[in-house]
Amino acid sequence: MDVTALRALQAPLKDKYREAPDAAVITLKARGELDDQHIACKVETGRAIALAGLHPATGGTGAELCSGDMLLEALVACAGVTLKAVATALEIELKKGTVRAEGDLDFRGTLGVVKDAPVGFKAIRLSFDVESDAPQEQLDTLLKLTERYCVVFQTLNVKPELSAVLNRG
């Protein structure tokens, strides 16, 4: 896709959202079914069922997906798509590219071994390796705008309002 095709695709959406801001607010949903045989959850991905379970560092077998890995995978996917979209919009040719995310977890927190150990990632690092003839200034802008417009990156960066409810079935 080139910049003209991208603009043609997005222009009517941008116009619609300017005229009707509420139309731009969409609720994305995910659903999972608890596995009745194992400590696992079957997550509907929209394309297939993914079985998430305990990480081996918390007693899992490693056969199921780890939700921490899935979070990093979502970040890589979102950041990769955003980078490509921004590069297209800025007409920066990317010949090749790789996106990586890694995060540090202290499983003492998740397992309740010590109260002062955090539950969740202490640090997440996102990196891009790209092949491009674009000047460094353009690549710096590309990174800045990718950070700005990547939904998952910004969700992690600016804590959203969270709530949780437990209902009887």
N, C-alpha and C. Protein backbone atom coordinates (compact mmCIF):
# COMPACT_ATOMS: atom_id res chain seq x y z
N MET A 1 0.85 -1.17 0.00
CA MET A 1 0.00 0.00 0.00
C MET A 1 0.90 1.24 0.00
N ASP A 2 0.53 2.23 -0.79
CA ASP A 2 1.30 3.48 -0.83
C ASP A 2 0.53 4.57 -0.08
N VAL A 3 1.16 5.75 0.02
CA VAL A 3 0.57 6.85 0.79
C VAL A 3 -0.78 7.28 0.22
N THR A 4 -0.93 7.27 -1.08
CA THR A 4 -2.19 7.68 -1.71
C THR A 4 -3.32 6.72 -1.35
N ALA A 5 -3.04 5.43 -1.42
CA ALA A 5 -4.05 4.43 -1.08
C ALA A 5 -4.41 4.50 0.41
N LEU A 6 -3.40 4.71 1.27
CA LEU A 6 -3.66 4.82 2.70
C LEU A 6 -4.53 6.03 3.00
N ARG A 7 -4.19 7.16 2.41
CA ARG A 7 -4.98 8.38 2.64
C ARG A 7 -6.41 8.21 2.13
N ALA A 8 -6.56 7.58 0.96
CA ALA A 8 -7.89 7.36 0.40
C ALA A 8 -8.73 6.45 1.31
N LEU A 9 -8.06 5.49 1.91
CA LEU A 9 -8.74 4.57 2.81
C LEU A 9 -9.15 5.25 4.11
N GLN A 10 -8.27 6.10 4.64
CA GLN A 10 -8.51 6.70 5.95
C GLN A 10 -9.26 8.03 5.91
N ALA A 11 -9.22 8.76 4.80
CA ALA A 11 -9.84 10.09 4.74
C ALA A 11 -11.32 10.07 5.11
N PRO A 12 -12.15 9.17 4.55
CA PRO A 12 -13.56 9.20 4.93
C PRO A 12 -13.78 8.86 6.41
N LEU A 13 -12.92 8.03 6.96
CA LEU A 13 -13.03 7.70 8.38
C LEU A 13 -12.70 8.92 9.23
N LYS A 14 -11.62 9.61 8.88
CA LYS A 14 -11.23 10.81 9.62
C LYS A 14 -12.32 11.87 9.55
N ASP A 15 -12.89 12.06 8.37
CA ASP A 15 -13.99 13.03 8.22
C ASP A 15 -15.18 12.65 9.10
N LYS A 16 -15.55 11.38 9.07
CA LYS A 16 -16.67 10.89 9.87
C LYS A 16 -16.42 11.14 11.35
N TYR A 17 -15.20 10.88 11.81
CA TYR A 17 -14.89 11.03 13.23
C TYR A 17 -14.81 12.50 13.64
N ARG A 18 -14.46 13.38 12.71
CA ARG A 18 -14.47 14.81 13.01
C ARG A 18 -15.92 15.30 13.18
N GLU A 19 -16.80 14.80 12.31
CA GLU A 19 -18.20 15.21 12.34
C GLU A 19 -18.98 14.55 13.48
N ALA A 20 -18.64 13.33 13.79
CA ALA A 20 -19.34 12.58 14.84
C ALA A 20 -18.31 11.89 15.73
N PRO A 21 -17.75 12.61 16.69
CA PRO A 21 -16.70 12.04 17.54
C PRO A 21 -17.08 10.72 18.22
N ASP A 22 -18.35 10.57 18.58
CA ASP A 22 -18.78 9.33 19.23
C ASP A 22 -18.63 8.11 18.33
N ALA A 23 -18.66 8.31 17.02
CA ALA A 23 -18.50 7.20 16.09
C ALA A 23 -17.09 6.61 16.14
N ALA A 24 -16.15 7.38 16.66
CA ALA A 24 -14.76 6.91 16.74
C ALA A 24 -14.51 6.05 17.97
N VAL A 25 -15.44 6.04 18.90
CA VAL A 25 -15.26 5.27 20.13
C VAL A 25 -15.88 3.89 19.94
N ILE A 26 -15.02 2.90 19.95
CA ILE A 26 -15.45 1.52 19.71
C ILE A 26 -14.98 0.66 20.88
N THR A 27 -15.81 -0.23 21.34
CA THR A 27 -15.44 -1.13 22.42
C THR A 27 -14.95 -2.44 21.81
N LEU A 28 -13.67 -2.71 22.00
CA LEU A 28 -13.11 -4.00 21.58
C LEU A 28 -13.36 -4.99 22.70
N LYS A 29 -13.54 -6.24 22.35
CA LYS A 29 -13.89 -7.24 23.35
C LYS A 29 -13.03 -8.48 23.18
N ALA A 30 -12.79 -9.13 24.27
CA ALA A 30 -12.13 -10.43 24.28
C ALA A 30 -12.94 -11.32 25.21
N ARG A 31 -12.95 -12.60 24.92
CA ARG A 31 -13.71 -13.53 25.73
C ARG A 31 -12.91 -14.80 25.91
N GLY A 32 -13.00 -15.37 27.09
CA GLY A 32 -12.33 -16.63 27.36
C GLY A 32 -13.21 -17.55 28.16
N GLU A 33 -12.98 -18.82 28.03
CA GLU A 33 -13.73 -19.84 28.76
C GLU A 33 -12.74 -20.59 29.63
N LEU A 34 -13.06 -20.68 30.94
CA LEU A 34 -12.17 -21.40 31.84
C LEU A 34 -12.14 -22.87 31.47
N ASP A 35 -10.94 -23.44 31.45
CA ASP A 35 -10.78 -24.85 31.17
C ASP A 35 -11.16 -25.62 32.42
N ASP A 36 -12.07 -26.59 32.31
CA ASP A 36 -12.53 -27.31 33.49
C ASP A 36 -11.58 -28.42 33.94
N GLN A 37 -10.58 -28.73 33.16
CA GLN A 37 -9.63 -29.80 33.50
C GLN A 37 -8.27 -29.29 33.96
N HIS A 38 -7.88 -28.09 33.53
CA HIS A 38 -6.53 -27.59 33.80
C HIS A 38 -6.60 -26.14 34.29
N ILE A 39 -5.47 -25.65 34.79
CA ILE A 39 -5.38 -24.23 35.11
C ILE A 39 -5.06 -23.53 33.81
N ALA A 40 -6.12 -23.22 33.07
CA ALA A 40 -5.97 -22.66 31.74
C ALA A 40 -7.25 -21.92 31.37
N CYS A 41 -7.15 -21.10 30.34
CA CYS A 41 -8.29 -20.34 29.85
C CYS A 41 -8.26 -20.38 28.33
N LYS A 42 -9.37 -20.74 27.72
CA LYS A 42 -9.46 -20.77 26.26
C LYS A 42 -9.92 -19.40 25.78
N VAL A 43 -9.03 -18.70 25.10
CA VAL A 43 -9.30 -17.33 24.67
C VAL A 43 -9.70 -17.33 23.20
N GLU A 44 -10.83 -16.69 22.91
CA GLU A 44 -11.26 -16.54 21.53
C GLU A 44 -10.52 -15.36 20.93
N THR A 45 -9.75 -15.63 19.88
CA THR A 45 -8.94 -14.57 19.28
C THR A 45 -9.61 -13.92 18.09
N GLY A 46 -10.74 -14.42 17.66
CA GLY A 46 -11.39 -13.91 16.46
C GLY A 46 -11.03 -14.77 15.26
N ARG A 47 -9.94 -15.47 15.34
CA ARG A 47 -9.49 -16.33 14.25
C ARG A 47 -9.40 -17.79 14.70
N ALA A 48 -9.16 -17.98 15.98
CA ALA A 48 -8.98 -19.33 16.52
C ALA A 48 -9.13 -19.26 18.03
N ILE A 49 -8.99 -20.38 18.67
CA ILE A 49 -8.99 -20.45 20.12
C ILE A 49 -7.54 -20.61 20.57
N ALA A 50 -7.13 -19.75 21.48
CA ALA A 50 -5.78 -19.83 22.04
C ALA A 50 -5.92 -20.32 23.48
N LEU A 51 -5.11 -21.28 23.85
CA LEU A 51 -5.16 -21.82 25.21
C LEU A 51 -4.05 -21.18 26.02
N ALA A 52 -4.44 -20.38 27.00
CA ALA A 52 -3.48 -19.70 27.87
C ALA A 52 -3.41 -20.45 29.19
N GLY A 53 -2.22 -20.55 29.73
CA GLY A 53 -2.03 -21.25 31.00
C GLY A 53 -0.89 -20.64 31.79
N LEU A 54 -0.48 -21.34 32.81
CA LEU A 54 0.60 -20.87 33.67
C LEU A 54 1.94 -20.91 32.96
N HIS A 55 2.75 -19.91 33.21
CA HIS A 55 4.13 -19.90 32.72
C HIS A 55 4.91 -20.96 33.50
N PRO A 56 5.90 -21.59 32.89
CA PRO A 56 6.69 -22.60 33.62
C PRO A 56 7.28 -22.07 34.93
N ALA A 57 7.58 -20.76 35.02
CA ALA A 57 8.14 -20.20 36.24
C ALA A 57 7.12 -20.13 37.37
N THR A 58 5.83 -20.40 37.05
CA THR A 58 4.79 -20.44 38.09
C THR A 58 4.16 -21.82 38.19
N GLY A 59 4.79 -22.82 37.59
CA GLY A 59 4.30 -24.19 37.69
C GLY A 59 3.64 -24.73 36.44
N GLY A 60 3.60 -23.95 35.37
CA GLY A 60 3.00 -24.42 34.13
C GLY A 60 3.93 -25.35 33.36
N THR A 61 3.37 -26.01 32.37
CA THR A 61 4.16 -26.95 31.58
C THR A 61 4.85 -26.28 30.40
N GLY A 62 4.38 -25.10 30.03
CA GLY A 62 4.91 -24.44 28.84
C GLY A 62 4.14 -24.83 27.58
N ALA A 63 3.18 -25.74 27.73
CA ALA A 63 2.39 -26.17 26.57
C ALA A 63 1.35 -25.12 26.18
N GLU A 64 0.89 -24.32 27.17
CA GLU A 64 -0.09 -23.29 26.89
C GLU A 64 0.61 -21.94 26.70
N LEU A 65 -0.12 -21.01 26.11
CA LEU A 65 0.41 -19.66 25.95
C LEU A 65 0.46 -18.95 27.29
N CYS A 66 1.48 -18.16 27.49
CA CYS A 66 1.60 -17.35 28.70
C CYS A 66 1.01 -15.98 28.42
N SER A 67 0.18 -15.47 29.31
CA SER A 67 -0.45 -14.17 29.08
C SER A 67 0.58 -13.05 29.00
N GLY A 68 1.68 -13.17 29.70
CA GLY A 68 2.75 -12.18 29.59
C GLY A 68 3.34 -12.16 28.19
N ASP A 69 3.57 -13.35 27.64
CA ASP A 69 4.05 -13.44 26.25
C ASP A 69 3.02 -12.85 25.30
N MET A 70 1.74 -13.12 25.56
CA MET A 70 0.68 -12.61 24.69
C MET A 70 0.64 -11.08 24.73
N LEU A 71 0.89 -10.50 25.90
CA LEU A 71 0.92 -9.04 26.02
C LEU A 71 2.06 -8.48 25.17
N LEU A 72 3.25 -9.09 25.26
CA LEU A 72 4.38 -8.64 24.45
C LEU A 72 4.11 -8.86 22.97
N GLU A 73 3.47 -9.96 22.63
CA GLU A 73 3.13 -10.22 21.22
C GLU A 73 2.14 -9.18 20.70
N ALA A 74 1.18 -8.78 21.54
CA ALA A 74 0.24 -7.73 21.14
C ALA A 74 0.97 -6.41 20.93
N LEU A 75 1.93 -6.12 21.78
CA LEU A 75 2.72 -4.90 21.62
C LEU A 75 3.52 -4.94 20.33
N VAL A 76 4.16 -6.06 20.05
CA VAL A 76 4.94 -6.20 18.81
C VAL A 76 4.03 -6.05 17.59
N ALA A 77 2.88 -6.70 17.62
CA ALA A 77 1.94 -6.62 16.49
C ALA A 77 1.47 -5.19 16.27
N CYS A 78 1.05 -4.53 17.33
CA CYS A 78 0.53 -3.17 17.22
C CYS A 78 1.63 -2.21 16.78
N ALA A 79 2.79 -2.32 17.39
CA ALA A 79 3.90 -1.43 17.05
C ALA A 79 4.37 -1.66 15.62
N GLY A 80 4.38 -2.91 15.17
CA GLY A 80 4.79 -3.21 13.80
C GLY A 80 3.82 -2.63 12.78
N VAL A 81 2.53 -2.80 13.03
CA VAL A 81 1.51 -2.26 12.13
C VAL A 81 1.56 -0.74 12.14
N THR A 82 1.71 -0.16 13.32
CA THR A 82 1.77 1.30 13.43
C THR A 82 3.00 1.85 12.71
N LEU A 83 4.14 1.22 12.91
CA LEU A 83 5.37 1.64 12.23
C LEU A 83 5.20 1.63 10.72
N LYS A 84 4.61 0.56 10.20
CA LYS A 84 4.38 0.46 8.74
C LYS A 84 3.41 1.52 8.27
N ALA A 85 2.34 1.77 9.01
CA ALA A 85 1.35 2.78 8.61
C ALA A 85 1.97 4.18 8.63
N VAL A 86 2.73 4.49 9.67
CA VAL A 86 3.37 5.80 9.76
C VAL A 86 4.41 5.95 8.66
N ALA A 87 5.20 4.91 8.42
CA ALA A 87 6.21 4.96 7.35
C ALA A 87 5.53 5.20 6.00
N THR A 88 4.42 4.54 5.78
CA THR A 88 3.67 4.73 4.54
C THR A 88 3.17 6.16 4.43
N ALA A 89 2.58 6.66 5.52
CA ALA A 89 2.04 8.03 5.51
C ALA A 89 3.14 9.07 5.29
N LEU A 90 4.33 8.82 5.81
CA LEU A 90 5.45 9.76 5.66
C LEU A 90 6.30 9.48 4.41
N GLU A 91 5.89 8.45 3.68
CA GLU A 91 6.62 8.03 2.47
C GLU A 91 8.08 7.69 2.78
N ILE A 92 8.26 6.97 3.87
CA ILE A 92 9.58 6.45 4.23
C ILE A 92 9.62 5.00 3.80
N GLU A 93 10.53 4.68 2.90
CA GLU A 93 10.63 3.30 2.42
C GLU A 93 11.38 2.46 3.45
N LEU A 94 10.72 1.40 3.88
CA LEU A 94 11.35 0.42 4.75
C LEU A 94 11.56 -0.84 3.92
N LYS A 95 12.80 -1.18 3.68
CA LYS A 95 13.10 -2.37 2.88
C LYS A 95 12.83 -3.64 3.67
N LYS A 96 13.09 -3.56 4.95
CA LYS A 96 12.98 -4.72 5.82
C LYS A 96 12.88 -4.22 7.25
N GLY A 97 12.31 -5.01 8.13
CA GLY A 97 12.25 -4.59 9.51
C GLY A 97 11.90 -5.72 10.46
N THR A 98 12.34 -5.56 11.70
CA THR A 98 12.04 -6.51 12.77
C THR A 98 11.62 -5.71 13.99
N VAL A 99 10.61 -6.21 14.69
CA VAL A 99 10.13 -5.58 15.91
C VAL A 99 10.31 -6.60 17.04
N ARG A 100 10.87 -6.15 18.15
CA ARG A 100 11.06 -7.03 19.30
C ARG A 100 10.58 -6.33 20.57
N ALA A 101 10.00 -7.12 21.45
CA ALA A 101 9.64 -6.62 22.78
C ALA A 101 10.12 -7.65 23.79
N GLU A 102 10.66 -7.14 24.87
CA GLU A 102 11.04 -8.02 25.97
C GLU A 102 10.70 -7.32 27.26
N GLY A 103 10.33 -8.11 28.24
CA GLY A 103 9.92 -7.54 29.51
C GLY A 103 10.46 -8.35 30.67
N ASP A 104 10.69 -7.66 31.78
CA ASP A 104 11.23 -8.30 32.98
C ASP A 104 10.13 -8.50 34.00
N LEU A 105 9.97 -9.75 34.43
CA LEU A 105 8.98 -10.12 35.44
C LEU A 105 9.70 -10.72 36.65
N ASP A 106 9.23 -10.42 37.83
CA ASP A 106 9.72 -11.05 39.05
C ASP A 106 8.57 -11.94 39.53
N PHE A 107 8.69 -13.23 39.30
CA PHE A 107 7.60 -14.14 39.61
C PHE A 107 7.35 -14.31 41.11
N ARG A 108 8.22 -13.74 41.96
CA ARG A 108 7.94 -13.77 43.39
C ARG A 108 6.66 -13.00 43.68
N GLY A 109 6.38 -11.93 42.90
CA GLY A 109 5.17 -11.15 43.10
C GLY A 109 3.92 -11.93 42.72
N THR A 110 3.95 -12.55 41.55
CA THR A 110 2.81 -13.33 41.07
C THR A 110 2.50 -14.50 41.99
N LEU A 111 3.53 -15.11 42.52
CA LEU A 111 3.33 -16.26 43.39
C LEU A 111 3.13 -15.88 44.86
N GLY A 112 3.19 -14.58 45.17
CA GLY A 112 2.98 -14.14 46.54
C GLY A 112 4.09 -14.56 47.49
N VAL A 113 5.29 -14.74 46.96
CA VAL A 113 6.42 -15.16 47.80
C VAL A 113 6.85 -14.04 48.74
N VAL A 114 6.92 -12.83 48.21
CA VAL A 114 7.23 -11.66 49.03
C VAL A 114 6.28 -10.54 48.64
N LYS A 115 5.84 -9.79 49.64
CA LYS A 115 4.83 -8.76 49.40
C LYS A 115 5.36 -7.56 48.62
N ASP A 116 6.65 -7.28 48.71
CA ASP A 116 7.18 -6.09 48.05
C ASP A 116 7.63 -6.35 46.60
N ALA A 117 7.53 -7.58 46.14
CA ALA A 117 7.86 -7.88 44.74
C ALA A 117 6.66 -7.48 43.87
N PRO A 118 6.91 -6.74 42.79
CA PRO A 118 5.80 -6.31 41.94
C PRO A 118 5.14 -7.47 41.22
N VAL A 119 3.85 -7.33 41.00
CA VAL A 119 3.12 -8.27 40.15
C VAL A 119 3.01 -7.59 38.79
N GLY A 120 3.53 -8.20 37.79
CA GLY A 120 3.53 -7.60 36.46
C GLY A 120 4.93 -7.24 36.02
N PHE A 121 5.01 -6.69 34.84
CA PHE A 121 6.30 -6.33 34.26
C PHE A 121 6.91 -5.15 35.01
N LYS A 122 8.19 -5.27 35.35
CA LYS A 122 8.93 -4.15 35.95
C LYS A 122 9.44 -3.23 34.84
N ALA A 123 9.75 -3.80 33.69
CA ALA A 123 10.27 -3.03 32.56
C ALA A 123 9.90 -3.75 31.27
N ILE A 124 9.59 -2.97 30.24
CA ILE A 124 9.34 -3.51 28.90
C ILE A 124 10.17 -2.68 27.93
N ARG A 125 10.88 -3.38 27.08
CA ARG A 125 11.71 -2.72 26.06
C ARG A 125 11.21 -3.10 24.67
N LEU A 126 10.94 -2.10 23.87
CA LEU A 126 10.48 -2.28 22.50
C LEU A 126 11.57 -1.79 21.57
N SER A 127 11.93 -2.58 20.59
CA SER A 127 12.98 -2.15 19.66
C SER A 127 12.62 -2.53 18.23
N PHE A 128 13.11 -1.72 17.32
CA PHE A 128 12.89 -1.90 15.89
C PHE A 128 14.26 -1.94 15.21
N ASP A 129 14.44 -2.87 14.32
CA ASP A 129 15.61 -2.89 13.43
C ASP A 129 15.06 -2.75 12.03
N VAL A 130 15.44 -1.68 11.34
CA VAL A 130 14.91 -1.45 10.00
C VAL A 130 16.05 -1.22 9.01
N GLU A 131 15.80 -1.61 7.79
CA GLU A 131 16.69 -1.28 6.67
C GLU A 131 15.98 -0.21 5.86
N SER A 132 16.61 0.96 5.77
CA SER A 132 16.02 2.08 5.06
C SER A 132 17.12 3.05 4.64
N ASP A 133 16.91 3.70 3.52
CA ASP A 133 17.83 4.74 3.06
C ASP A 133 17.41 6.12 3.57
N ALA A 134 16.36 6.18 4.36
CA ALA A 134 15.86 7.47 4.87
C ALA A 134 16.89 8.08 5.82
N PRO A 135 16.96 9.40 5.85
CA PRO A 135 17.88 10.06 6.78
C PRO A 135 17.47 9.78 8.24
N GLN A 136 18.44 9.86 9.14
CA GLN A 136 18.19 9.55 10.55
C GLN A 136 17.08 10.43 11.13
N GLU A 137 17.01 11.67 10.72
CA GLU A 137 15.98 12.58 11.20
C GLU A 137 14.59 12.03 10.90
N GLN A 138 14.39 11.48 9.72
CA GLN A 138 13.09 10.90 9.36
C GLN A 138 12.82 9.65 10.20
N LEU A 139 13.86 8.84 10.42
CA LEU A 139 13.68 7.63 11.22
C LEU A 139 13.37 7.99 12.68
N ASP A 140 13.96 9.06 13.17
CA ASP A 140 13.64 9.52 14.53
C ASP A 140 12.18 9.94 14.62
N THR A 141 11.69 10.63 13.60
CA THR A 141 10.28 11.04 13.54
C THR A 141 9.39 9.80 13.45
N LEU A 142 9.81 8.82 12.68
CA LEU A 142 9.05 7.58 12.54
C LEU A 142 8.89 6.90 13.89
N LEU A 143 9.96 6.82 14.67
CA LEU A 143 9.88 6.20 15.99
C LEU A 143 8.97 7.01 16.91
N LYS A 144 9.14 8.31 16.92
CA LYS A 144 8.33 9.18 17.78
C LYS A 144 6.84 9.03 17.48
N LEU A 145 6.49 9.02 16.19
CA LEU A 145 5.07 8.90 15.82
C LEU A 145 4.55 7.49 16.04
N THR A 146 5.40 6.49 15.89
CA THR A 146 4.99 5.11 16.18
C THR A 146 4.65 4.98 17.65
N GLU A 147 5.50 5.52 18.52
CA GLU A 147 5.20 5.51 19.95
C GLU A 147 3.88 6.24 20.23
N ARG A 148 3.70 7.37 19.60
CA ARG A 148 2.52 8.20 19.84
C ARG A 148 1.22 7.53 19.42
N TYR A 149 1.23 6.82 18.30
CA TYR A 149 0.00 6.28 17.74
C TYR A 149 -0.21 4.78 17.95
N CYS A 150 0.72 4.10 18.58
CA CYS A 150 0.56 2.66 18.86
C CYS A 150 -0.37 2.49 20.07
N VAL A 151 -1.51 1.89 19.86
CA VAL A 151 -2.53 1.74 20.90
C VAL A 151 -1.99 0.96 22.10
N VAL A 152 -1.33 -0.15 21.86
CA VAL A 152 -0.85 -0.97 22.97
C VAL A 152 0.26 -0.26 23.72
N PHE A 153 1.17 0.37 23.00
CA PHE A 153 2.26 1.12 23.64
C PHE A 153 1.69 2.22 24.55
N GLN A 154 0.75 2.98 24.02
CA GLN A 154 0.17 4.07 24.81
C GLN A 154 -0.67 3.56 25.97
N THR A 155 -1.33 2.42 25.80
CA THR A 155 -2.11 1.84 26.89
C THR A 155 -1.20 1.44 28.05
N LEU A 156 -0.04 0.89 27.72
CA LEU A 156 0.93 0.53 28.75
C LEU A 156 1.59 1.78 29.35
N ASN A 157 1.80 2.77 28.52
CA ASN A 157 2.50 3.99 28.92
C ASN A 157 1.66 4.90 29.81
N VAL A 158 0.36 4.98 29.51
CA VAL A 158 -0.56 5.83 30.26
C VAL A 158 -1.65 4.92 30.80
N LYS A 159 -1.58 4.63 32.07
CA LYS A 159 -2.49 3.65 32.66
C LYS A 159 -3.95 4.02 32.43
N PRO A 160 -4.71 3.11 31.81
CA PRO A 160 -6.14 3.38 31.61
C PRO A 160 -6.92 3.16 32.90
N GLU A 161 -8.13 3.65 32.92
CA GLU A 161 -9.03 3.37 34.03
C GLU A 161 -9.38 1.88 33.96
N LEU A 162 -9.15 1.16 35.03
CA LEU A 162 -9.41 -0.27 35.05
C LEU A 162 -10.52 -0.59 36.05
N SER A 163 -11.26 -1.64 35.77
CA SER A 163 -12.24 -2.14 36.73
C SER A 163 -12.36 -3.65 36.53
N ALA A 164 -12.77 -4.32 37.57
CA ALA A 164 -12.97 -5.75 37.48
C ALA A 164 -14.24 -6.11 38.26
N VAL A 165 -14.99 -7.06 37.77
CA VAL A 165 -16.24 -7.49 38.39
C VAL A 165 -16.28 -9.01 38.36
N LEU A 166 -16.75 -9.60 39.41
CA LEU A 166 -16.94 -11.06 39.48
C LEU A 166 -18.44 -11.30 39.62
N ASN A 167 -19.04 -11.93 38.61
CA ASN A 167 -20.47 -12.23 38.62
C ASN A 167 -20.70 -13.72 38.82
N ARG A 168 -21.78 -14.04 39.48
CA ARG A 168 -22.17 -15.45 39.57
C ARG A 168 -22.84 -15.86 38.27
N GLY A 169 -22.46 -17.04 37.75
CA GLY A 169 -23.05 -17.52 36.49
C GLY A 169 -24.26 -18.25 36.78
